[in-house]
Amino acid sequence: MSIDTDPRADPQAPSTPVGTVAPGSALPRLPGRRNPRWIALGVVALCLGALLSALVYARIAAETTVVAAARTVYRGEVVERADLTTVRLRGGSLPDTVPADRLDGLVGQRAAFDLPVGSVVVGAAVAAGDVPAAGRAVVGLRLATGRAPETLLLPSAPVRLVALPPGTTDTGATDRLAGKTYPARVVSAAPGADGASLVVEVDVARDQAPTVALLAAQERLAVVRDAGR
């Protein structure tokens, strides 16, 4: 008959002090130390990223797309689609700019003043005025070479139509017209089909239009370019 008893501790076995780890057992993991310098750098990076995002957003929000001249349009000319383009502009830099979504509404109107290529188009730069306006008339002239400064006859340029003496010795009422001048503005100018003349359309006062047309038919007109723009 045997009796089970708890094994007795070996009095010769070395004792393990409290708080130490026995040889061969796994060491407990110690928490890693955090470097305050890296933490500070991370905070600074986050702040800089937020500031940069705010600046980019503010810049984009302040910009707007407006209409600009893709090529030079002279005062009085009809604005065509190819004359216009769009550019990005900081908001508030120029007053009365035309938003890009209103570009098509400018097509077909007339330039109120010269629009140099690359310039921003403002609302007052175009007008829907008809040509001829009330009390005015447009007369076509065919001028011989030397009777007009061809390179200066830009649309809406102010000119004077000078009546020349008749080409014959016949006397009559038209002789009294020699030397008279008639203020006008150029509507358009183009070389004649014969290659030796210039066809000019001018805007004149309605009551002077018959006289100007008569002188033009008699080839008794010369055009003088005046200052004005």
Protein backbone atom coordinates (compact mmCIF):
# COMPACT_ATOMS: atom_id res chain seq x y z
CA MET A 1 0.00 0.00 0.00
CA SER A 2 1.41 3.43 -1.08
CA ILE A 3 0.53 6.91 0.09
CA ASP A 4 0.77 9.90 -2.34
CA THR A 5 2.43 12.86 -0.74
CA ASP A 6 3.56 16.23 -2.15
CA PRO A 7 7.16 16.19 -3.18
CA ARG A 8 9.27 17.98 -0.79
CA ALA A 9 11.38 20.84 -1.91
CA ASP A 10 14.94 19.98 -2.38
CA PRO A 11 16.80 21.78 0.38
CA GLN A 12 19.91 21.82 -1.87
CA ALA A 13 18.15 23.58 -4.79
CA PRO A 14 19.06 27.24 -5.13
CA SER A 15 16.25 29.59 -4.32
CA THR A 16 15.04 32.27 -6.81
CA PRO A 17 14.80 35.72 -5.31
CA VAL A 18 11.45 37.43 -5.56
CA GLY A 19 11.19 39.78 -8.56
CA THR A 20 13.72 37.96 -10.73
CA VAL A 21 13.16 35.72 -13.71
CA ALA A 22 14.28 32.21 -13.70
CA PRO A 23 16.91 31.25 -16.23
CA GLY A 24 15.46 30.03 -19.55
CA SER A 25 12.10 31.81 -19.18
CA ALA A 26 10.94 34.59 -21.68
CA LEU A 27 11.72 38.15 -20.67
CA PRO A 28 8.73 40.53 -20.47
CA ARG A 29 8.55 43.26 -23.21
CA LEU A 30 9.33 46.69 -21.97
CA PRO A 31 7.40 49.63 -23.43
CA GLY A 32 9.37 51.49 -26.12
CA ARG A 33 10.60 54.95 -25.33
CA ARG A 34 9.07 57.81 -27.45
CA ASN A 35 11.47 60.39 -28.78
CA PRO A 36 10.02 63.86 -28.02
CA ARG A 37 11.93 65.30 -30.97
CA TRP A 38 10.12 63.11 -33.51
CA ILE A 39 6.80 63.85 -31.87
CA ALA A 40 7.46 67.58 -32.20
CA LEU A 41 8.48 67.20 -35.85
CA GLY A 42 5.28 65.29 -36.59
CA VAL A 43 3.15 68.00 -35.03
CA VAL A 44 4.98 70.68 -37.04
CA ALA A 45 4.49 68.68 -40.27
CA LEU A 46 0.76 68.36 -39.62
CA CYS A 47 0.46 72.09 -38.96
CA LEU A 48 2.39 72.97 -42.11
CA GLY A 49 0.26 70.61 -44.19
CA ALA A 50 -2.95 72.15 -42.86
CA LEU A 51 -1.63 75.66 -43.52
CA LEU A 52 -0.59 74.79 -47.07
CA SER A 53 -3.98 73.25 -47.80
CA ALA A 54 -5.70 76.37 -46.49
CA LEU A 55 -3.53 78.62 -48.68
CA VAL A 56 -4.19 76.52 -51.80
CA TYR A 57 -7.93 76.52 -51.12
CA ALA A 58 -7.94 80.28 -50.55
CA ARG A 59 -6.05 80.88 -53.81
CA ILE A 60 -8.37 78.67 -55.85
CA ALA A 61 -11.43 80.22 -54.26
CA ALA A 62 -10.14 83.73 -55.05
CA GLU A 63 -9.46 82.97 -58.74
CA THR A 64 -12.06 83.25 -61.46
CA THR A 65 -12.09 82.61 -65.21
CA VAL A 66 -12.85 85.69 -67.29
CA VAL A 67 -13.02 86.66 -70.97
CA ALA A 68 -9.95 88.10 -72.72
CA ALA A 69 -9.10 89.15 -76.28
CA ALA A 70 -7.48 86.37 -78.30
CA ARG A 71 -6.57 88.87 -81.00
CA THR A 72 -6.81 92.63 -81.41
CA VAL A 73 -10.33 93.94 -82.05
CA TYR A 74 -10.62 97.56 -83.13
CA ARG A 75 -13.36 99.87 -82.02
CA GLY A 76 -16.46 99.45 -84.15
CA GLU A 77 -15.60 95.94 -85.35
CA VAL A 78 -18.03 93.08 -84.84
CA VAL A 79 -16.72 90.68 -82.20
CA GLU A 80 -16.37 87.10 -83.46
CA ARG A 81 -15.94 83.90 -81.45
CA ALA A 82 -12.33 83.55 -82.60
CA ASP A 83 -11.58 87.01 -81.16
CA LEU A 84 -12.18 85.84 -77.60
CA THR A 85 -10.58 83.45 -75.13
CA THR A 86 -10.55 82.94 -71.35
CA VAL A 87 -7.91 83.50 -68.67
CA ARG A 88 -7.72 82.89 -64.92
CA LEU A 89 -7.71 86.06 -62.87
CA ARG A 90 -7.47 86.77 -59.18
CA GLY A 91 -10.86 87.91 -57.95
CA GLY A 92 -11.20 91.62 -57.39
CA SER A 93 -8.12 92.52 -59.45
CA LEU A 94 -10.19 94.27 -62.12
CA PRO A 95 -13.72 95.63 -61.90
CA ASP A 96 -16.51 94.75 -64.33
CA THR A 97 -14.79 91.70 -65.82
CA VAL A 98 -16.91 89.37 -67.95
CA PRO A 99 -17.19 85.79 -66.57
CA ALA A 100 -16.24 83.00 -68.94
CA ASP A 101 -19.80 81.63 -69.04
CA ARG A 102 -20.92 84.90 -70.69
CA LEU A 103 -18.44 84.68 -73.56
CA ASP A 104 -20.96 83.59 -76.18
CA GLY A 105 -23.15 86.57 -75.33
CA LEU A 106 -20.41 88.94 -76.57
CA VAL A 107 -20.26 87.39 -80.03
CA GLY A 108 -21.98 89.55 -82.64
CA GLN A 109 -21.70 92.78 -80.67
CA ARG A 110 -19.41 95.66 -81.57
CA ALA A 111 -16.29 96.74 -79.74
CA ALA A 112 -16.88 100.04 -77.95
CA PHE A 113 -13.12 100.70 -77.94
CA ASP A 114 -9.93 98.95 -79.03
CA LEU A 115 -9.29 95.57 -77.40
CA PRO A 116 -5.58 94.70 -77.68
CA VAL A 117 -4.69 91.04 -77.84
CA GLY A 118 -4.33 89.54 -74.35
CA SER A 119 -6.32 92.28 -72.62
CA VAL A 120 -9.16 91.38 -70.24
CA VAL A 121 -12.59 92.24 -71.64
CA VAL A 122 -14.75 94.36 -69.35
CA GLY A 123 -18.50 94.74 -69.60
CA ALA A 124 -18.30 98.22 -71.15
CA ALA A 125 -15.93 97.06 -73.91
CA VAL A 126 -18.71 95.86 -76.20
CA ALA A 127 -22.04 97.33 -77.17
CA ALA A 128 -25.01 96.12 -79.15
CA GLY A 129 -25.27 99.37 -81.12
CA ASP A 130 -26.43 99.06 -84.70
CA VAL A 131 -24.51 100.47 -87.65
CA PRO A 132 -25.70 102.82 -88.94
CA ALA A 133 -27.24 104.39 -85.86
CA ALA A 134 -30.29 106.61 -85.97
CA GLY A 135 -29.63 109.72 -88.08
CA ARG A 136 -26.63 108.11 -89.80
CA ALA A 137 -26.05 106.30 -93.10
CA VAL A 138 -23.36 104.06 -94.57
CA VAL A 139 -21.99 104.91 -98.03
CA GLY A 140 -19.62 102.82 -100.13
CA LEU A 141 -16.66 104.47 -101.84
CA ARG A 142 -14.31 103.16 -104.51
CA LEU A 143 -11.12 105.17 -104.32
CA ALA A 144 -8.26 105.25 -106.74
CA THR A 145 -4.73 104.62 -105.50
CA GLY A 146 -3.34 107.63 -103.66
CA ARG A 147 -6.67 109.04 -102.55
CA ALA A 148 -6.70 107.42 -99.11
CA PRO A 149 -4.14 106.36 -96.48
CA GLU A 150 -4.84 102.65 -96.90
CA THR A 151 -2.93 101.42 -93.84
CA LEU A 152 -4.67 103.86 -91.49
CA LEU A 153 -8.29 103.14 -92.38
CA LEU A 154 -9.08 100.99 -89.36
CA PRO A 155 -12.68 100.35 -88.34
CA SER A 156 -14.22 103.34 -86.54
CA ALA A 157 -11.28 105.59 -87.46
CA PRO A 158 -12.40 109.23 -87.84
CA VAL A 159 -11.86 110.61 -91.35
CA ARG A 160 -12.79 113.55 -93.53
CA LEU A 161 -14.17 113.10 -97.03
CA VAL A 162 -12.83 115.90 -99.20
CA ALA A 163 -14.70 116.87 -102.38
CA LEU A 164 -12.37 117.30 -105.36
CA PRO A 165 -12.91 119.57 -108.36
CA PRO A 166 -14.69 118.00 -111.33
CA GLY A 167 -12.53 116.39 -113.95
CA THR A 168 -14.04 118.44 -116.77
CA THR A 169 -14.47 122.16 -117.40
CA ASP A 170 -18.24 121.85 -117.22
CA THR A 171 -19.69 124.27 -114.72
CA GLY A 172 -22.68 123.47 -112.64
CA ALA A 173 -24.05 123.11 -109.16
CA THR A 174 -21.58 120.39 -108.29
CA ASP A 175 -18.66 122.80 -108.79
CA ARG A 176 -19.62 124.52 -105.56
CA LEU A 177 -18.92 121.29 -103.72
CA ALA A 178 -15.20 121.34 -104.52
CA GLY A 179 -13.18 121.72 -101.34
CA LYS A 180 -16.00 120.87 -98.97
CA THR A 181 -15.37 118.24 -96.31
CA TYR A 182 -17.70 115.73 -94.70
CA PRO A 183 -16.87 114.10 -91.36
CA ALA A 184 -17.19 110.33 -91.33
CA ARG A 185 -16.04 107.17 -89.64
CA VAL A 186 -14.65 104.10 -91.34
CA VAL A 187 -16.83 101.01 -91.18
CA SER A 188 -14.56 98.78 -93.26
CA ALA A 189 -11.85 98.95 -95.91
CA ALA A 190 -10.64 96.34 -98.37
CA PRO A 191 -8.73 96.21 -101.67
CA GLY A 192 -10.90 96.46 -104.77
CA ALA A 193 -11.46 93.53 -107.10
CA ASP A 194 -9.34 95.22 -109.78
CA GLY A 195 -6.31 95.30 -107.47
CA ALA A 196 -5.78 99.00 -108.13
CA SER A 197 -8.48 100.59 -105.99
CA LEU A 198 -9.71 100.61 -102.42
CA VAL A 199 -13.29 99.96 -101.37
CA VAL A 200 -14.20 101.84 -98.21
CA GLU A 201 -17.50 101.92 -96.33
CA VAL A 202 -18.01 105.07 -94.29
CA ASP A 203 -20.59 106.15 -91.73
CA VAL A 204 -21.83 109.70 -92.42
CA ALA A 205 -24.69 111.93 -91.39
CA ARG A 206 -27.91 110.86 -93.11
CA ASP A 207 -28.53 114.25 -94.73
CA GLN A 208 -25.03 114.28 -96.23
CA ALA A 209 -25.20 110.73 -97.59
CA PRO A 210 -26.73 111.69 -101.01
CA THR A 211 -24.02 114.27 -101.68
CA VAL A 212 -21.26 111.89 -100.63
CA ALA A 213 -22.71 109.17 -102.84
CA LEU A 214 -22.86 111.57 -105.79
CA LEU A 215 -19.26 112.64 -105.35
CA ALA A 216 -18.21 108.99 -104.98
CA ALA A 217 -19.94 108.11 -108.25
CA GLN A 218 -18.06 110.96 -109.97
CA GLU A 219 -14.77 109.80 -108.41
CA ARG A 220 -14.36 113.18 -106.76
CA LEU A 221 -13.55 112.12 -103.21
CA ALA A 222 -10.36 111.81 -101.23
CA VAL A 223 -10.16 110.49 -97.68
CA VAL A 224 -8.11 112.18 -94.97
CA ARG A 225 -7.37 110.26 -91.77
CA ASP A 226 -7.88 112.36 -88.64
CA ALA A 227 -6.57 111.82 -85.14
CA GLY A 228 -9.08 110.50 -82.66
CA ARG A 229 -7.96 107.14 -81.32
